[in-house]
N, C-alpha and C. Protein backbone atom coordinates (compact mmCIF):
# COMPACT_ATOMS: atom_id res chain seq x y z
N MET A 1 32.43 81.90 108.95
CA MET A 1 33.75 82.37 109.35
C MET A 1 33.88 82.28 110.86
N PRO A 2 35.09 82.14 111.37
CA PRO A 2 35.27 82.10 112.82
C PRO A 2 34.95 83.46 113.43
N SER A 3 34.42 83.45 114.63
CA SER A 3 34.09 84.69 115.32
C SER A 3 35.36 85.38 115.80
N ALA A 4 35.23 86.64 116.18
CA ALA A 4 36.38 87.38 116.72
C ALA A 4 36.91 86.70 117.98
N ALA A 5 36.01 86.16 118.79
CA ALA A 5 36.43 85.48 120.01
C ALA A 5 37.21 84.21 119.69
N GLU A 6 36.75 83.44 118.70
CA GLU A 6 37.45 82.23 118.31
C GLU A 6 38.83 82.55 117.75
N ARG A 7 38.90 83.60 116.95
CA ARG A 7 40.20 83.97 116.38
C ARG A 7 41.16 84.46 117.46
N THR A 8 40.64 85.21 118.42
CA THR A 8 41.49 85.68 119.51
C THR A 8 42.00 84.51 120.35
N ARG A 9 41.11 83.61 120.68
CA ARG A 9 41.52 82.46 121.50
C ARG A 9 42.52 81.58 120.75
N THR A 10 42.32 81.44 119.45
CA THR A 10 43.27 80.68 118.64
C THR A 10 44.65 81.30 118.70
N LEU A 11 44.73 82.61 118.60
CA LEU A 11 46.02 83.29 118.65
C LEU A 11 46.65 83.17 120.04
N VAL A 12 45.84 83.28 121.08
CA VAL A 12 46.37 83.15 122.44
C VAL A 12 46.98 81.78 122.65
N GLN A 13 46.33 80.74 122.15
CA GLN A 13 46.79 79.37 122.38
C GLN A 13 47.77 78.88 121.32
N SER A 14 48.10 79.73 120.36
CA SER A 14 49.03 79.35 119.30
C SER A 14 50.47 79.61 119.73
N THR A 15 51.39 79.40 118.79
CA THR A 15 52.81 79.67 119.05
C THR A 15 53.22 81.06 118.54
N CYS A 16 52.24 81.89 118.20
CA CYS A 16 52.56 83.25 117.75
C CYS A 16 53.35 83.99 118.82
N SER A 17 54.18 84.94 118.39
CA SER A 17 54.95 85.70 119.34
C SER A 17 54.03 86.59 120.18
N ALA A 18 54.38 86.77 121.45
CA ALA A 18 53.56 87.57 122.36
C ALA A 18 54.45 88.28 123.36
N VAL A 19 53.99 89.42 123.82
CA VAL A 19 54.72 90.18 124.84
C VAL A 19 53.72 90.73 125.83
N LEU A 20 54.08 90.71 127.11
CA LEU A 20 53.21 91.21 128.17
C LEU A 20 53.67 92.61 128.57
N LEU A 21 52.82 93.59 128.33
CA LEU A 21 53.11 94.98 128.68
C LEU A 21 52.45 95.30 130.01
N VAL A 22 53.26 95.60 131.02
CA VAL A 22 52.76 95.85 132.37
C VAL A 22 52.85 97.34 132.66
N THR A 23 51.78 97.91 133.14
CA THR A 23 51.72 99.34 133.43
C THR A 23 52.84 99.75 134.38
N GLY A 24 53.63 100.75 133.98
CA GLY A 24 54.69 101.29 134.82
C GLY A 24 55.97 100.48 134.83
N LEU A 25 56.05 99.42 134.00
CA LEU A 25 57.24 98.57 133.99
C LEU A 25 57.89 98.58 132.62
N GLU A 26 59.21 98.80 132.61
CA GLU A 26 59.99 98.73 131.38
C GLU A 26 61.16 97.79 131.60
N PRO A 27 61.02 96.51 131.24
CA PRO A 27 62.11 95.54 131.44
C PRO A 27 63.38 95.97 130.71
N ALA A 28 64.53 95.60 131.28
CA ALA A 28 65.80 95.96 130.67
C ALA A 28 65.98 95.30 129.31
N HIS A 29 65.39 94.12 129.14
CA HIS A 29 65.51 93.39 127.87
C HIS A 29 64.12 92.98 127.40
N PRO A 30 63.80 93.15 126.12
CA PRO A 30 62.47 92.81 125.61
C PRO A 30 62.05 91.38 125.91
N TRP A 31 62.99 90.42 125.84
CA TRP A 31 62.64 89.02 126.04
C TRP A 31 62.13 88.75 127.46
N GLN A 32 62.41 89.64 128.40
CA GLN A 32 61.94 89.43 129.77
C GLN A 32 60.42 89.57 129.90
N ALA A 33 59.79 90.14 128.90
CA ALA A 33 58.33 90.32 128.92
C ALA A 33 57.62 89.29 128.05
N VAL A 34 58.37 88.29 127.56
CA VAL A 34 57.78 87.26 126.69
C VAL A 34 57.46 86.02 127.52
N PRO A 35 56.17 85.66 127.64
CA PRO A 35 55.82 84.46 128.42
C PRO A 35 56.35 83.19 127.78
N GLU A 36 56.78 82.24 128.61
CA GLU A 36 57.30 80.98 128.10
C GLU A 36 56.18 80.03 127.67
N SER A 37 55.02 80.21 128.24
CA SER A 37 53.84 79.46 127.81
C SER A 37 52.61 80.28 128.19
N ARG A 38 51.50 79.96 127.53
CA ARG A 38 50.25 80.66 127.85
C ARG A 38 49.07 79.75 127.55
N ARG A 39 48.02 79.91 128.33
CA ARG A 39 46.81 79.13 128.13
C ARG A 39 45.63 79.93 128.66
N VAL A 40 44.44 79.51 128.24
CA VAL A 40 43.21 80.15 128.69
C VAL A 40 42.56 79.25 129.73
N GLY A 41 42.22 79.83 130.88
CA GLY A 41 41.58 79.06 131.93
C GLY A 41 40.09 78.90 131.70
N PRO A 42 39.42 78.12 132.56
CA PRO A 42 37.99 77.85 132.38
C PRO A 42 37.11 79.08 132.50
N GLU A 43 37.59 80.14 133.13
CA GLU A 43 36.82 81.37 133.26
C GLU A 43 37.20 82.42 132.23
N GLY A 44 38.08 82.05 131.31
CA GLY A 44 38.49 82.99 130.27
C GLY A 44 39.70 83.82 130.63
N ASP A 45 40.27 83.61 131.82
CA ASP A 45 41.48 84.32 132.19
C ASP A 45 42.69 83.67 131.53
N LEU A 46 43.76 84.44 131.35
CA LEU A 46 44.98 83.92 130.74
C LEU A 46 45.98 83.57 131.83
N PHE A 47 46.63 82.43 131.67
CA PHE A 47 47.67 82.00 132.59
C PHE A 47 48.99 81.98 131.83
N LEU A 48 49.93 82.81 132.28
CA LEU A 48 51.19 83.03 131.59
C LEU A 48 52.35 82.59 132.47
N GLU A 49 53.28 81.83 131.89
CA GLU A 49 54.42 81.32 132.65
C GLU A 49 55.66 82.14 132.38
N PHE A 50 56.35 82.52 133.46
CA PHE A 50 57.59 83.30 133.38
C PHE A 50 58.63 82.72 134.34
N PRO A 51 59.91 82.99 134.12
CA PRO A 51 60.90 82.68 135.14
C PRO A 51 60.58 83.42 136.44
N ALA A 52 60.82 82.80 137.56
CA ALA A 52 60.44 83.39 138.84
C ALA A 52 61.13 84.71 139.12
N ASP A 53 62.31 84.94 138.51
CA ASP A 53 63.04 86.18 138.75
C ASP A 53 62.75 87.24 137.69
N SER A 54 61.73 87.01 136.87
CA SER A 54 61.38 87.97 135.82
C SER A 54 60.85 89.27 136.42
N PRO A 55 61.15 90.42 135.81
CA PRO A 55 60.62 91.70 136.30
C PRO A 55 59.10 91.73 136.36
N VAL A 56 58.43 91.08 135.41
CA VAL A 56 56.96 91.09 135.44
C VAL A 56 56.43 90.27 136.61
N VAL A 57 57.14 89.20 136.99
CA VAL A 57 56.74 88.41 138.15
C VAL A 57 56.91 89.23 139.43
N ARG A 58 58.02 89.94 139.53
CA ARG A 58 58.24 90.78 140.72
C ARG A 58 57.16 91.85 140.82
N ALA A 59 56.80 92.44 139.69
CA ALA A 59 55.77 93.48 139.71
C ALA A 59 54.43 92.91 140.15
N ALA A 60 54.08 91.73 139.63
CA ALA A 60 52.80 91.12 139.99
C ALA A 60 52.78 90.66 141.44
N THR A 61 53.91 90.17 141.92
CA THR A 61 53.99 89.66 143.29
C THR A 61 53.82 90.79 144.30
N HIS A 62 54.36 91.96 143.99
CA HIS A 62 54.30 93.08 144.92
C HIS A 62 53.06 93.94 144.75
N ALA A 63 52.25 93.64 143.75
CA ALA A 63 51.03 94.42 143.53
C ALA A 63 50.01 94.11 144.62
N GLN A 64 49.21 95.09 144.96
CA GLN A 64 48.17 94.92 145.95
C GLN A 64 46.87 94.52 145.26
N ASP A 65 46.30 93.38 145.67
CA ASP A 65 45.05 92.88 145.10
C ASP A 65 45.13 92.84 143.57
N ASP A 66 44.17 93.50 142.89
CA ASP A 66 44.13 93.47 141.42
C ASP A 66 44.44 94.83 140.82
N GLU A 67 45.34 95.55 141.44
CA GLU A 67 45.59 96.92 141.00
C GLU A 67 46.52 97.03 139.80
N LEU A 68 47.22 95.95 139.47
CA LEU A 68 48.21 96.00 138.39
C LEU A 68 47.56 95.65 137.05
N THR A 69 47.55 96.60 136.12
CA THR A 69 46.96 96.35 134.80
C THR A 69 48.06 95.96 133.81
N ALA A 70 47.67 95.16 132.82
CA ALA A 70 48.63 94.68 131.83
C ALA A 70 47.90 94.35 130.54
N VAL A 71 48.68 94.26 129.46
CA VAL A 71 48.14 93.92 128.15
C VAL A 71 49.04 92.87 127.51
N LEU A 72 48.43 91.78 127.06
CA LEU A 72 49.18 90.79 126.28
C LEU A 72 48.98 91.12 124.81
N GLU A 73 50.07 91.42 124.12
CA GLU A 73 50.02 91.73 122.70
C GLU A 73 50.57 90.55 121.90
N ILE A 74 49.79 90.09 120.94
CA ILE A 74 50.15 88.91 120.13
C ILE A 74 50.27 89.33 118.67
N THR A 75 51.33 88.87 118.03
CA THR A 75 51.55 89.16 116.60
C THR A 75 51.60 87.84 115.84
N ASP A 76 50.74 87.72 114.84
CA ASP A 76 50.64 86.50 114.04
C ASP A 76 51.35 86.71 112.71
N VAL A 77 52.42 85.97 112.48
CA VAL A 77 53.22 86.09 111.26
C VAL A 77 53.06 84.80 110.43
N ALA A 78 52.83 84.95 109.15
CA ALA A 78 52.67 83.77 108.28
C ALA A 78 53.93 82.90 108.34
N PRO A 79 53.77 81.57 108.44
CA PRO A 79 54.93 80.68 108.53
C PRO A 79 55.59 80.40 107.20
N VAL A 80 55.10 81.01 106.13
CA VAL A 80 55.72 80.90 104.81
C VAL A 80 56.07 82.30 104.33
N SER A 81 57.01 82.38 103.41
CA SER A 81 57.47 83.69 102.93
C SER A 81 56.48 84.25 101.91
N VAL A 82 55.83 85.35 102.28
CA VAL A 82 54.87 86.04 101.40
C VAL A 82 54.99 87.54 101.63
N PRO A 83 54.56 88.35 100.67
CA PRO A 83 54.49 89.79 100.93
C PRO A 83 53.48 90.07 102.04
N HIS A 84 53.73 91.12 102.80
CA HIS A 84 52.81 91.51 103.89
C HIS A 84 52.61 90.33 104.83
N ARG A 85 53.68 89.92 105.47
CA ARG A 85 53.69 88.63 106.17
C ARG A 85 52.92 88.63 107.49
N ILE A 86 52.71 89.78 108.10
CA ILE A 86 51.94 89.82 109.34
C ILE A 86 50.47 89.58 109.03
N ARG A 87 49.91 88.52 109.59
CA ARG A 87 48.53 88.14 109.30
C ARG A 87 47.54 88.77 110.28
N GLY A 88 48.01 89.15 111.45
CA GLY A 88 47.08 89.72 112.40
C GLY A 88 47.72 90.04 113.73
N ARG A 89 46.97 90.77 114.53
CA ARG A 89 47.40 91.11 115.89
C ARG A 89 46.20 90.98 116.82
N ALA A 90 46.50 90.66 118.07
CA ALA A 90 45.45 90.58 119.09
C ALA A 90 45.97 91.19 120.38
N ARG A 91 45.04 91.76 121.14
CA ARG A 91 45.38 92.34 122.44
C ARG A 91 44.37 91.84 123.47
N VAL A 92 44.90 91.41 124.60
CA VAL A 92 44.05 91.02 125.73
C VAL A 92 44.52 91.83 126.93
N SER A 93 43.64 92.66 127.46
CA SER A 93 44.00 93.51 128.60
C SER A 93 43.23 93.12 129.84
N GLY A 94 43.81 93.42 130.99
CA GLY A 94 43.15 93.09 132.25
C GLY A 94 44.03 93.36 133.44
N TRP A 95 43.81 92.59 134.52
CA TRP A 95 44.52 92.80 135.77
C TRP A 95 45.42 91.60 136.05
N LEU A 96 46.63 91.90 136.49
CA LEU A 96 47.67 90.88 136.62
C LEU A 96 47.93 90.53 138.08
N THR A 97 47.93 89.23 138.38
CA THR A 97 48.28 88.74 139.71
C THR A 97 49.14 87.49 139.56
N SER A 98 49.89 87.18 140.60
CA SER A 98 50.70 85.97 140.59
C SER A 98 49.91 84.82 141.21
N VAL A 99 50.21 83.59 140.76
CA VAL A 99 49.51 82.40 141.25
C VAL A 99 50.57 81.41 141.74
N PRO A 100 51.01 81.52 143.00
CA PRO A 100 52.05 80.62 143.51
C PRO A 100 51.59 79.16 143.51
N GLY A 101 52.57 78.26 143.34
CA GLY A 101 52.29 76.84 143.47
C GLY A 101 51.79 76.16 142.23
N MET A 102 51.65 76.88 141.13
CA MET A 102 51.12 76.27 139.90
C MET A 102 52.21 75.91 138.90
N ALA A 103 53.46 76.29 139.20
CA ALA A 103 54.54 76.04 138.25
C ALA A 103 55.68 75.29 138.92
N GLU A 104 56.60 74.79 138.10
CA GLU A 104 57.77 74.10 138.62
C GLU A 104 58.69 75.08 139.34
N PRO A 105 59.59 74.58 140.17
CA PRO A 105 60.54 75.47 140.84
C PRO A 105 61.29 76.34 139.84
N GLY A 106 61.46 77.61 140.19
CA GLY A 106 62.13 78.54 139.29
C GLY A 106 61.21 79.17 138.28
N ARG A 107 59.93 78.81 138.31
CA ARG A 107 58.93 79.37 137.40
C ARG A 107 57.77 79.94 138.21
N MET A 108 57.02 80.83 137.58
CA MET A 108 55.84 81.40 138.22
C MET A 108 54.75 81.59 137.18
N ILE A 109 53.52 81.29 137.57
CA ILE A 109 52.37 81.52 136.72
C ILE A 109 51.73 82.86 137.10
N LEU A 110 51.50 83.68 136.09
CA LEU A 110 50.78 84.93 136.29
C LEU A 110 49.40 84.80 135.67
N ARG A 111 48.42 85.34 136.36
CA ARG A 111 47.04 85.30 135.87
C ARG A 111 46.63 86.68 135.37
N LEU A 112 46.22 86.74 134.12
CA LEU A 112 45.71 87.98 133.55
C LEU A 112 44.19 87.86 133.49
N GLU A 113 43.52 88.51 134.43
CA GLU A 113 42.06 88.49 134.45
C GLU A 113 41.55 89.37 133.31
N THR A 114 40.89 88.75 132.35
CA THR A 114 40.52 89.44 131.13
C THR A 114 39.46 90.51 131.37
N ALA A 115 39.77 91.73 130.91
CA ALA A 115 38.80 92.82 130.95
C ALA A 115 38.20 93.03 129.57
N GLU A 116 39.05 92.97 128.55
CA GLU A 116 38.59 93.10 127.17
C GLU A 116 39.67 92.57 126.24
N ALA A 117 39.26 92.28 125.01
CA ALA A 117 40.20 91.79 124.01
C ALA A 117 39.82 92.38 122.66
N TYR A 118 40.78 92.36 121.76
CA TYR A 118 40.56 92.94 120.42
C TYR A 118 41.44 92.18 119.43
N VAL A 119 40.91 91.92 118.25
CA VAL A 119 41.66 91.23 117.21
C VAL A 119 41.53 91.98 115.89
N ASP A 120 42.62 92.04 115.15
CA ASP A 120 42.64 92.67 113.83
C ASP A 120 43.47 91.76 112.93
N ASP A 121 42.78 91.05 112.03
CA ASP A 121 43.48 90.04 111.24
C ASP A 121 42.93 89.98 109.82
N LEU A 122 43.20 88.89 109.11
CA LEU A 122 42.78 88.75 107.72
C LEU A 122 41.27 88.73 107.56
N TRP A 123 40.55 88.43 108.62
CA TRP A 123 39.10 88.39 108.58
C TRP A 123 38.48 89.77 108.82
N GLY A 124 39.24 90.64 109.50
CA GLY A 124 38.70 91.94 109.88
C GLY A 124 39.07 92.25 111.31
N ALA A 125 38.42 93.25 111.88
CA ALA A 125 38.72 93.68 113.24
C ALA A 125 37.46 93.62 114.09
N GLY A 126 37.65 93.35 115.38
CA GLY A 126 36.49 93.29 116.27
C GLY A 126 36.90 93.16 117.71
N GLY A 127 36.04 93.65 118.60
CA GLY A 127 36.26 93.53 120.03
C GLY A 127 35.69 92.23 120.56
N VAL A 128 36.21 91.80 121.70
CA VAL A 128 35.80 90.53 122.31
C VAL A 128 35.55 90.76 123.79
N GLU A 129 34.39 90.36 124.27
CA GLU A 129 34.06 90.44 125.69
C GLU A 129 34.68 89.25 126.44
N PRO A 130 34.95 89.41 127.73
CA PRO A 130 35.55 88.30 128.50
C PRO A 130 34.74 87.01 128.41
N GLU A 131 33.41 87.12 128.45
CA GLU A 131 32.58 85.93 128.39
C GLU A 131 32.69 85.24 127.03
N GLU A 132 32.84 86.03 125.98
CA GLU A 132 32.99 85.47 124.64
C GLU A 132 34.30 84.71 124.52
N LEU A 133 35.37 85.28 125.08
CA LEU A 133 36.67 84.59 125.05
C LEU A 133 36.61 83.31 125.85
N ARG A 134 35.92 83.35 126.98
CA ARG A 134 35.78 82.16 127.83
C ARG A 134 35.07 81.02 127.09
N ASP A 135 34.01 81.35 126.37
CA ASP A 135 33.18 80.33 125.74
C ASP A 135 33.68 79.89 124.37
N ALA A 136 34.62 80.63 123.79
CA ALA A 136 35.12 80.31 122.44
C ALA A 136 36.06 79.11 122.48
N ALA A 137 36.21 78.48 121.34
CA ALA A 137 37.16 77.37 121.20
C ALA A 137 38.19 77.73 120.15
N ALA A 138 39.43 77.33 120.40
CA ALA A 138 40.48 77.57 119.42
C ALA A 138 40.26 76.68 118.20
N ASP A 139 40.72 77.12 117.05
CA ASP A 139 40.58 76.32 115.84
C ASP A 139 41.34 75.00 116.00
N PRO A 140 40.72 73.87 115.63
CA PRO A 140 41.36 72.57 115.85
C PRO A 140 42.62 72.36 115.02
N LEU A 141 42.81 73.14 113.96
CA LEU A 141 44.01 72.98 113.13
C LEU A 141 45.15 73.90 113.56
N ALA A 142 44.89 74.76 114.53
CA ALA A 142 45.87 75.79 114.89
C ALA A 142 47.24 75.22 115.27
N VAL A 143 47.25 74.13 116.02
CA VAL A 143 48.52 73.57 116.48
C VAL A 143 49.32 72.97 115.33
N HIS A 144 48.64 72.66 114.21
CA HIS A 144 49.32 72.05 113.06
C HIS A 144 49.47 73.02 111.90
N GLU A 145 48.89 74.22 112.00
CA GLU A 145 48.79 75.09 110.83
C GLU A 145 50.14 75.42 110.20
N ALA A 146 51.12 75.82 111.01
CA ALA A 146 52.42 76.21 110.46
C ALA A 146 53.04 75.07 109.66
N GLU A 147 53.04 73.88 110.25
CA GLU A 147 53.62 72.71 109.57
C GLU A 147 52.84 72.38 108.30
N LEU A 148 51.51 72.46 108.36
CA LEU A 148 50.68 72.14 107.20
C LEU A 148 50.90 73.12 106.06
N LEU A 149 50.98 74.42 106.38
CA LEU A 149 51.20 75.43 105.34
C LEU A 149 52.57 75.26 104.69
N GLN A 150 53.57 75.00 105.50
CA GLN A 150 54.91 74.80 104.97
C GLN A 150 54.96 73.56 104.08
N HIS A 151 54.24 72.51 104.48
CA HIS A 151 54.18 71.29 103.66
C HIS A 151 53.46 71.55 102.34
N LEU A 152 52.34 72.28 102.40
CA LEU A 152 51.62 72.60 101.17
C LEU A 152 52.50 73.40 100.21
N HIS A 153 53.21 74.35 100.76
CA HIS A 153 54.05 75.22 99.94
C HIS A 153 55.22 74.46 99.32
N ALA A 154 55.85 73.59 100.12
CA ALA A 154 57.05 72.90 99.65
C ALA A 154 56.74 71.67 98.80
N ALA A 155 55.73 70.91 99.19
CA ALA A 155 55.46 69.63 98.52
C ALA A 155 54.30 69.66 97.54
N HIS A 156 53.43 70.65 97.65
CA HIS A 156 52.25 70.69 96.78
C HIS A 156 52.09 72.06 96.13
N GLY A 157 53.23 72.71 95.87
CA GLY A 157 53.18 74.05 95.28
C GLY A 157 52.47 74.09 93.94
N GLU A 158 52.68 73.07 93.10
CA GLU A 158 52.04 73.05 91.78
C GLU A 158 50.52 72.90 91.92
N GLN A 159 50.09 72.07 92.86
CA GLN A 159 48.64 71.90 93.06
C GLN A 159 48.02 73.18 93.62
N VAL A 160 48.73 73.85 94.52
CA VAL A 160 48.23 75.13 95.04
C VAL A 160 48.10 76.14 93.91
N GLN A 161 49.08 76.12 93.00
CA GLN A 161 49.05 77.03 91.86
C GLN A 161 47.82 76.80 90.99
N THR A 162 47.37 75.54 90.87
CA THR A 162 46.22 75.25 90.02
C THR A 162 44.92 75.82 90.58
N LEU A 163 44.92 76.20 91.86
CA LEU A 163 43.71 76.79 92.43
C LEU A 163 43.31 78.07 91.72
N CYS A 164 44.26 78.66 91.00
CA CYS A 164 43.97 79.89 90.24
C CYS A 164 42.89 79.67 89.19
N THR A 165 42.74 78.43 88.74
CA THR A 165 41.72 78.17 87.73
C THR A 165 40.31 78.38 88.29
N LEU A 166 40.20 78.41 89.63
CA LEU A 166 38.91 78.62 90.26
C LEU A 166 38.61 80.10 90.49
N LEU A 167 39.55 80.97 90.09
CA LEU A 167 39.38 82.39 90.36
C LEU A 167 38.67 83.14 89.25
N GLY A 168 38.32 82.45 88.18
CA GLY A 168 37.57 83.09 87.11
C GLY A 168 38.37 84.18 86.42
N GLU A 169 37.79 85.36 86.30
CA GLU A 169 38.39 86.44 85.53
C GLU A 169 39.68 86.98 86.15
N ARG A 170 39.94 86.65 87.41
CA ARG A 170 41.15 87.17 88.06
C ARG A 170 42.36 86.29 87.78
N VAL A 171 42.16 85.17 87.10
CA VAL A 171 43.26 84.23 86.89
C VAL A 171 44.43 84.88 86.18
N GLY A 172 44.17 85.83 85.29
CA GLY A 172 45.27 86.45 84.57
C GLY A 172 46.08 87.41 85.39
N ALA A 173 45.55 87.81 86.54
CA ALA A 173 46.23 88.81 87.36
C ALA A 173 47.23 88.19 88.33
N GLN A 174 47.15 86.87 88.49
CA GLN A 174 48.00 86.24 89.49
C GLN A 174 49.40 85.95 88.96
N GLY A 175 50.33 85.79 89.89
CA GLY A 175 51.67 85.35 89.56
C GLY A 175 51.95 84.09 90.36
N ASN A 176 52.72 84.22 91.40
CA ASN A 176 52.96 83.10 92.29
C ASN A 176 51.82 82.99 93.29
N VAL A 177 51.47 81.77 93.67
CA VAL A 177 50.38 81.53 94.61
C VAL A 177 50.94 80.79 95.81
N VAL A 178 50.75 81.36 97.01
CA VAL A 178 51.32 80.82 98.22
C VAL A 178 50.21 80.61 99.26
N PRO A 179 50.16 79.44 99.90
CA PRO A 179 49.17 79.24 100.96
C PRO A 179 49.55 80.08 102.17
N VAL A 180 48.62 80.91 102.64
CA VAL A 180 48.98 81.87 103.68
C VAL A 180 48.25 81.63 105.00
N ALA A 181 47.11 80.94 104.96
CA ALA A 181 46.37 80.67 106.20
C ALA A 181 45.47 79.46 106.00
N LEU A 182 45.28 78.74 107.10
CA LEU A 182 44.49 77.51 107.04
C LEU A 182 43.71 77.37 108.34
N ASP A 183 42.43 77.09 108.22
CA ASP A 183 41.61 76.84 109.40
C ASP A 183 40.55 75.81 109.07
N ARG A 184 39.68 75.51 110.01
CA ARG A 184 38.71 74.44 109.79
C ARG A 184 37.71 74.76 108.69
N PHE A 185 37.59 76.02 108.32
CA PHE A 185 36.62 76.41 107.30
C PHE A 185 37.20 76.40 105.89
N GLY A 186 38.52 76.54 105.75
CA GLY A 186 39.07 76.58 104.40
C GLY A 186 40.51 77.04 104.34
N LEU A 187 40.96 77.28 103.11
CA LEU A 187 42.34 77.67 102.83
C LEU A 187 42.36 79.06 102.21
N ARG A 188 43.29 79.88 102.67
CA ARG A 188 43.50 81.20 102.07
C ARG A 188 44.87 81.20 101.39
N VAL A 189 44.92 81.68 100.15
CA VAL A 189 46.18 81.79 99.43
C VAL A 189 46.43 83.26 99.10
N ARG A 190 47.68 83.59 98.88
CA ARG A 190 48.04 84.95 98.47
C ARG A 190 48.64 84.88 97.06
N CYS A 191 48.03 85.62 96.16
CA CYS A 191 48.48 85.66 94.77
C CYS A 191 49.31 86.91 94.56
N THR A 192 50.53 86.73 94.06
CA THR A 192 51.43 87.86 93.86
C THR A 192 51.81 87.93 92.39
N GLY A 193 51.70 89.08 91.85
CA GLY A 193 52.03 89.29 90.43
C GLY A 193 51.90 90.76 90.13
N ALA A 194 51.17 91.09 89.06
CA ALA A 194 50.92 92.50 88.76
C ALA A 194 50.20 93.17 89.91
N GLU A 195 49.38 92.40 90.61
CA GLU A 195 48.74 92.87 91.83
C GLU A 195 48.86 91.76 92.87
N CYS A 196 48.71 92.15 94.13
CA CYS A 196 48.78 91.18 95.23
C CYS A 196 47.41 91.12 95.88
N PHE A 197 46.83 89.92 95.94
CA PHE A 197 45.51 89.79 96.56
C PHE A 197 45.37 88.41 97.16
N ASP A 198 44.44 88.30 98.10
CA ASP A 198 44.15 87.02 98.73
C ASP A 198 42.92 86.39 98.10
N ALA A 199 42.91 85.08 98.04
CA ALA A 199 41.73 84.33 97.60
C ALA A 199 41.43 83.28 98.66
N ARG A 200 40.16 83.09 98.92
CA ARG A 200 39.73 82.17 99.96
C ARG A 200 38.97 81.01 99.33
N PHE A 201 39.34 79.78 99.72
CA PHE A 201 38.67 78.59 99.20
C PHE A 201 38.06 77.84 100.38
N ASP A 202 36.74 77.87 100.46
CA ASP A 202 36.05 77.24 101.58
C ASP A 202 35.90 75.74 101.34
N PHE A 203 35.98 74.96 102.42
CA PHE A 203 35.72 73.54 102.35
C PHE A 203 34.20 73.30 102.31
N PRO A 204 33.77 72.17 101.77
CA PRO A 204 32.33 71.89 101.73
C PRO A 204 31.69 71.96 103.11
N GLU A 205 32.43 71.56 104.13
CA GLU A 205 31.97 71.66 105.51
C GLU A 205 33.20 71.77 106.41
N PRO A 206 33.06 72.36 107.59
CA PRO A 206 34.22 72.52 108.48
C PRO A 206 34.86 71.17 108.82
N VAL A 207 36.18 71.17 108.89
CA VAL A 207 36.90 69.94 109.24
C VAL A 207 37.21 69.95 110.73
N ARG A 208 37.34 68.76 111.30
CA ARG A 208 37.57 68.65 112.74
C ARG A 208 38.99 68.23 113.10
N ASP A 209 39.72 67.69 112.11
CA ASP A 209 41.06 67.23 112.39
C ASP A 209 41.85 67.15 111.09
N VAL A 210 43.10 66.70 111.19
CA VAL A 210 43.98 66.64 110.03
C VAL A 210 43.48 65.61 109.01
N ALA A 211 42.90 64.52 109.49
CA ALA A 211 42.40 63.50 108.58
C ALA A 211 41.28 64.06 107.69
N GLU A 212 40.36 64.79 108.30
CA GLU A 212 39.29 65.41 107.52
C GLU A 212 39.85 66.51 106.62
N LEU A 213 40.86 67.20 107.08
CA LEU A 213 41.50 68.23 106.26
C LEU A 213 42.09 67.61 105.00
N ARG A 214 42.74 66.48 105.14
CA ARG A 214 43.36 65.82 103.98
C ARG A 214 42.31 65.52 102.91
N HIS A 215 41.16 65.04 103.34
CA HIS A 215 40.09 64.74 102.39
C HIS A 215 39.56 66.03 101.74
N ALA A 216 39.42 67.08 102.54
CA ALA A 216 38.92 68.35 102.01
C ALA A 216 39.88 68.95 101.00
N MET A 217 41.19 68.83 101.26
CA MET A 217 42.18 69.37 100.32
C MET A 217 42.18 68.59 99.02
N HIS A 218 42.02 67.26 99.09
CA HIS A 218 41.94 66.45 97.87
C HIS A 218 40.74 66.89 97.03
N THR A 219 39.62 67.14 97.70
CA THR A 219 38.42 67.58 96.99
C THR A 219 38.66 68.93 96.31
N LEU A 220 39.34 69.82 97.00
CA LEU A 220 39.64 71.14 96.46
C LEU A 220 40.56 71.06 95.25
N PHE A 221 41.60 70.26 95.36
CA PHE A 221 42.55 70.11 94.25
C PHE A 221 41.88 69.43 93.04
N GLU A 222 41.01 68.48 93.31
CA GLU A 222 40.31 67.80 92.22
C GLU A 222 39.41 68.78 91.46
N ALA A 223 38.76 69.68 92.19
CA ALA A 223 37.90 70.69 91.56
C ALA A 223 38.72 71.62 90.68
N ALA A 224 39.94 71.97 91.14
CA ALA A 224 40.79 72.87 90.37
C ALA A 224 41.36 72.19 89.13
N ALA A 225 41.50 70.87 89.17
CA ALA A 225 42.10 70.14 88.05
C ALA A 225 41.11 69.83 86.93
N ARG A 226 39.83 70.07 87.15
CA ARG A 226 38.83 69.74 86.12
C ARG A 226 38.87 70.72 84.95
């Protein structure tokens, strides 16, 4: 399974919704605290892009040294319609400073020096040290996951449904089966019926790209069809 650090970094670099909470600052509008882009630097710090006139930019610009603390909160929502749609949350806290000259005119990059991170998702909950976040790699399928899950649900719904044959004695408890998460290690589906539960189908070996994923999915569907 992916480590807590890998899952956190995947969420940071994904398109999941995120908001930056700055100590002592309450923006007039919630969207003013939403970064337009975010990435992880080589030292594990987060670089967040905001409009130059954003309240969080003003706060970081006027802060002395590293005295301004902030928390980036990320919410991961399944890209397909399922019960209990929130798949996870992550928090990265640290010290906020502005980094002039790294963005286009009218934009500003803020640096969140990571102090600690925490993730609570479908895999479980766990803390992440700054060094762990720095050294972790995002899941290679993360940038395609939403599109892939939506495609599986819309175009291969019947094949996804056949995966229930691999559930053994629980097959009678399922109703509708929806793909809810996808990573290099396997596919997670959510079965809804008399009870709602998740089932995980691991690939024979981790995949590195969409081409390898396609082969792994064919193998999985073939096993379910036997």
